[in-house]
C-alpha cells in the first residue's frame, strides 16, 4: 500500500462524475479513513475556491510524483 498522509497532494486516477472531478485532478488529503482504505480529499480551483470535498478510495488516487506536470482545465458551468 502507498503511504499517503494528511495534507499530501494526490492525483485522481479515476473520474468521479458525481463530484465533477476527472482523472488527473489534484487535491489535498484532509482525512484518512480506515488506515488508508479511503481518503477525504479537498479539490480546489487555482484561485483557491473549493470545488469539492470527496471521499476517494485508495485505488482511485495516487501521490503526486516528482515527474508530474500541472495542467489546467476550465470548469463548465452547470
N, C-alpha and C. Protein backbone atom coordinates (compact mmCIF):
# COMPACT_ATOMS: atom_id res chain seq x y z
N UNK A 1 0.84 -1.19 0.00
CA UNK A 1 0.00 0.00 0.00
C UNK A 1 0.89 1.25 0.00
N UNK A 2 0.48 2.24 -0.79
CA UNK A 2 1.21 3.50 -0.88
C UNK A 2 0.98 4.31 0.39
N UNK A 3 2.02 4.97 0.84
CA UNK A 3 1.95 5.75 2.07
C UNK A 3 1.48 7.17 1.76
N UNK A 4 0.22 7.48 2.07
CA UNK A 4 -0.33 8.82 1.86
C UNK A 4 -0.74 9.36 3.22
N UNK A 5 -0.37 10.61 3.49
CA UNK A 5 -0.64 11.25 4.78
C UNK A 5 -1.58 12.44 4.61
N UNK A 6 -2.16 12.89 5.74
CA UNK A 6 -2.94 14.11 5.71
C UNK A 6 -2.08 15.25 5.18
N UNK A 7 -2.67 16.11 4.39
CA UNK A 7 -2.05 17.29 3.77
C UNK A 7 -1.19 16.95 2.56
N UNK A 8 -1.08 15.67 2.19
CA UNK A 8 -0.38 15.30 0.95
C UNK A 8 -1.27 15.65 -0.24
N UNK A 9 -0.63 16.01 -1.34
CA UNK A 9 -1.35 16.20 -2.60
C UNK A 9 -1.45 14.84 -3.28
N UNK A 10 -2.64 14.57 -3.83
CA UNK A 10 -2.86 13.33 -4.57
C UNK A 10 -3.48 13.65 -5.93
N UNK A 11 -3.31 12.71 -6.85
CA UNK A 11 -3.85 12.83 -8.20
C UNK A 11 -4.93 11.76 -8.37
N UNK A 12 -6.10 12.16 -8.87
CA UNK A 12 -7.13 11.17 -9.16
C UNK A 12 -6.69 10.29 -10.32
N UNK A 13 -6.95 9.01 -10.21
CA UNK A 13 -6.65 8.08 -11.30
C UNK A 13 -7.94 7.57 -11.94
N UNK A 14 -9.07 8.07 -11.44
CA UNK A 14 -10.39 7.70 -11.97
C UNK A 14 -11.29 8.93 -11.93
N UNK A 15 -12.21 9.01 -12.88
CA UNK A 15 -13.20 10.09 -12.85
C UNK A 15 -14.15 9.88 -11.67
N UNK A 16 -14.59 10.99 -11.07
CA UNK A 16 -15.63 10.97 -10.05
C UNK A 16 -16.72 11.93 -10.52
N UNK A 17 -17.53 11.47 -11.49
CA UNK A 17 -18.51 12.37 -12.13
C UNK A 17 -19.53 12.98 -11.17
N UNK A 18 -19.90 12.26 -10.12
CA UNK A 18 -20.87 12.80 -9.16
C UNK A 18 -20.34 14.05 -8.47
N UNK A 19 -19.00 14.18 -8.41
CA UNK A 19 -18.37 15.34 -7.77
C UNK A 19 -17.82 16.33 -8.81
N UNK A 20 -18.02 16.04 -10.10
CA UNK A 20 -17.50 16.92 -11.14
C UNK A 20 -15.99 16.83 -11.29
N UNK A 21 -15.40 15.71 -10.90
CA UNK A 21 -13.95 15.55 -10.92
C UNK A 21 -13.53 14.55 -11.99
N UNK A 22 -12.34 14.77 -12.54
CA UNK A 22 -11.81 13.91 -13.60
C UNK A 22 -10.44 13.38 -13.21
N UNK A 23 -10.10 12.21 -13.77
CA UNK A 23 -8.76 11.66 -13.58
C UNK A 23 -7.75 12.73 -13.95
N UNK A 24 -6.74 12.89 -13.13
CA UNK A 24 -5.72 13.91 -13.35
C UNK A 24 -5.92 15.13 -12.46
N UNK A 25 -7.13 15.31 -11.90
CA UNK A 25 -7.34 16.42 -10.98
C UNK A 25 -6.52 16.19 -9.71
N UNK A 26 -6.04 17.27 -9.13
CA UNK A 26 -5.17 17.21 -7.95
C UNK A 26 -5.90 17.78 -6.75
N UNK A 27 -5.79 17.09 -5.62
CA UNK A 27 -6.41 17.57 -4.39
C UNK A 27 -5.51 17.32 -3.20
N UNK A 28 -5.96 17.81 -2.05
CA UNK A 28 -5.20 17.68 -0.81
C UNK A 28 -5.97 16.79 0.17
N UNK A 29 -5.28 15.82 0.73
CA UNK A 29 -5.89 14.90 1.69
C UNK A 29 -6.17 15.66 2.98
N UNK A 30 -7.44 15.62 3.42
CA UNK A 30 -7.81 16.29 4.66
C UNK A 30 -8.19 15.30 5.76
N UNK A 31 -8.37 14.02 5.39
CA UNK A 31 -8.67 12.99 6.38
C UNK A 31 -8.38 11.63 5.78
N UNK A 32 -7.92 10.71 6.60
CA UNK A 32 -7.64 9.34 6.17
C UNK A 32 -8.64 8.41 6.82
N UNK A 33 -9.31 7.58 6.01
CA UNK A 33 -10.29 6.62 6.51
C UNK A 33 -9.66 5.23 6.65
N UNK A 34 -9.91 4.58 7.76
CA UNK A 34 -9.55 3.18 8.00
C UNK A 34 -8.13 2.82 7.56
N UNK A 35 -7.17 3.57 8.03
CA UNK A 35 -5.76 3.26 7.77
C UNK A 35 -5.35 3.36 6.32
N UNK A 36 -6.08 4.11 5.52
CA UNK A 36 -5.69 4.32 4.13
C UNK A 36 -6.57 3.59 3.12
N UNK A 37 -7.71 3.04 3.56
CA UNK A 37 -8.63 2.41 2.60
C UNK A 37 -9.28 3.46 1.70
N UNK A 38 -9.45 4.67 2.26
CA UNK A 38 -10.03 5.79 1.51
C UNK A 38 -9.54 7.09 2.14
N UNK A 39 -9.73 8.17 1.39
CA UNK A 39 -9.27 9.49 1.83
C UNK A 39 -10.36 10.51 1.58
N UNK A 40 -10.44 11.49 2.46
CA UNK A 40 -11.28 12.66 2.21
C UNK A 40 -10.33 13.67 1.57
N UNK A 41 -10.66 14.10 0.36
CA UNK A 41 -9.75 14.94 -0.41
C UNK A 41 -10.47 16.23 -0.82
N UNK A 42 -9.82 17.36 -0.58
CA UNK A 42 -10.37 18.65 -0.99
C UNK A 42 -9.75 19.03 -2.34
N UNK A 43 -10.61 19.36 -3.28
CA UNK A 43 -10.20 19.79 -4.61
C UNK A 43 -10.53 21.26 -4.75
N UNK A 44 -9.56 22.05 -5.18
CA UNK A 44 -9.73 23.50 -5.27
C UNK A 44 -9.37 24.00 -6.65
N UNK A 45 -9.96 25.14 -7.02
CA UNK A 45 -9.54 25.81 -8.24
C UNK A 45 -8.21 26.48 -7.97
N UNK A 46 -7.51 26.89 -9.02
CA UNK A 46 -6.24 27.57 -8.82
C UNK A 46 -6.41 28.94 -8.15
N UNK A 47 -7.63 29.47 -8.16
CA UNK A 47 -7.93 30.73 -7.49
C UNK A 47 -8.20 30.52 -6.00
N UNK A 48 -8.21 29.27 -5.54
CA UNK A 48 -8.38 28.97 -4.13
C UNK A 48 -9.79 28.69 -3.68
N UNK A 49 -10.71 28.51 -4.62
CA UNK A 49 -12.09 28.18 -4.27
C UNK A 49 -12.27 26.67 -4.22
N UNK A 50 -12.92 26.19 -3.17
CA UNK A 50 -13.16 24.76 -3.05
C UNK A 50 -14.16 24.31 -4.11
N UNK A 51 -13.77 23.32 -4.88
CA UNK A 51 -14.63 22.74 -5.91
C UNK A 51 -15.43 21.58 -5.32
N UNK A 52 -14.76 20.73 -4.55
CA UNK A 52 -15.41 19.57 -3.96
C UNK A 52 -14.56 19.02 -2.83
N UNK A 53 -15.22 18.40 -1.88
CA UNK A 53 -14.56 17.56 -0.88
C UNK A 53 -15.16 16.18 -1.10
N UNK A 54 -14.33 15.24 -1.53
CA UNK A 54 -14.83 13.94 -1.95
C UNK A 54 -14.13 12.81 -1.20
N UNK A 55 -14.87 11.73 -0.97
CA UNK A 55 -14.28 10.51 -0.44
C UNK A 55 -13.71 9.74 -1.62
N UNK A 56 -12.42 9.48 -1.58
CA UNK A 56 -11.71 8.84 -2.68
C UNK A 56 -11.11 7.53 -2.19
N UNK A 57 -11.46 6.43 -2.84
CA UNK A 57 -10.89 5.14 -2.47
C UNK A 57 -9.40 5.10 -2.80
N UNK A 58 -8.66 4.28 -2.08
CA UNK A 58 -7.22 4.19 -2.29
C UNK A 58 -6.87 3.88 -3.74
N UNK A 59 -7.67 3.06 -4.41
CA UNK A 59 -7.40 2.70 -5.80
C UNK A 59 -7.79 3.77 -6.81
N UNK A 60 -8.35 4.87 -6.34
CA UNK A 60 -8.77 5.95 -7.22
C UNK A 60 -7.83 7.15 -7.20
N UNK A 61 -6.71 7.02 -6.48
CA UNK A 61 -5.77 8.13 -6.42
C UNK A 61 -4.36 7.60 -6.21
N UNK A 62 -3.42 8.52 -6.40
CA UNK A 62 -2.01 8.20 -6.15
C UNK A 62 -1.33 9.47 -5.66
N UNK A 63 -0.19 9.31 -5.00
CA UNK A 63 0.54 10.50 -4.56
C UNK A 63 1.07 11.29 -5.77
N UNK A 64 1.26 12.57 -5.61
CA UNK A 64 1.91 13.39 -6.62
C UNK A 64 3.36 12.93 -6.72
N UNK A 65 3.88 12.83 -7.94
CA UNK A 65 5.27 12.42 -8.12
C UNK A 65 6.13 13.59 -8.58
N UNK A 66 7.42 13.41 -8.50
CA UNK A 66 8.36 14.45 -8.93
C UNK A 66 8.30 14.71 -10.43
N UNK A 67 7.70 13.81 -11.18
CA UNK A 67 7.64 13.95 -12.64
C UNK A 67 6.30 14.49 -13.14
N UNK A 68 5.37 14.77 -12.21
CA UNK A 68 4.07 15.30 -12.61
C UNK A 68 4.18 16.76 -13.05
N UNK A 69 3.36 17.12 -14.03
CA UNK A 69 3.31 18.48 -14.56
C UNK A 69 1.89 19.00 -14.38
N UNK A 70 1.75 20.25 -13.95
CA UNK A 70 0.42 20.85 -13.80
C UNK A 70 -0.23 21.02 -15.16
N UNK A 71 -1.55 20.89 -15.20
CA UNK A 71 -2.33 21.09 -16.42
C UNK A 71 -3.64 21.70 -15.99
N UNK A 72 -4.14 22.63 -16.77
CA UNK A 72 -5.37 23.33 -16.39
C UNK A 72 -6.53 22.90 -17.27
N UNK A 73 -7.69 22.71 -16.64
CA UNK A 73 -8.93 22.52 -17.37
C UNK A 73 -9.94 23.50 -16.78
N UNK A 74 -10.74 24.09 -17.61
CA UNK A 74 -11.72 25.05 -17.14
C UNK A 74 -13.03 24.34 -16.85
N UNK A 75 -13.64 24.67 -15.72
CA UNK A 75 -14.91 24.08 -15.35
C UNK A 75 -16.00 24.57 -16.28
N UNK A 76 -16.88 23.67 -16.64
CA UNK A 76 -18.02 24.02 -17.48
C UNK A 76 -19.17 24.37 -16.54
N UNK A 77 -19.82 25.49 -16.77
CA UNK A 77 -20.94 25.89 -15.92
C UNK A 77 -22.06 24.86 -16.01
N UNK A 78 -22.63 24.53 -14.87
CA UNK A 78 -23.70 23.52 -14.82
C UNK A 78 -25.03 24.10 -15.25
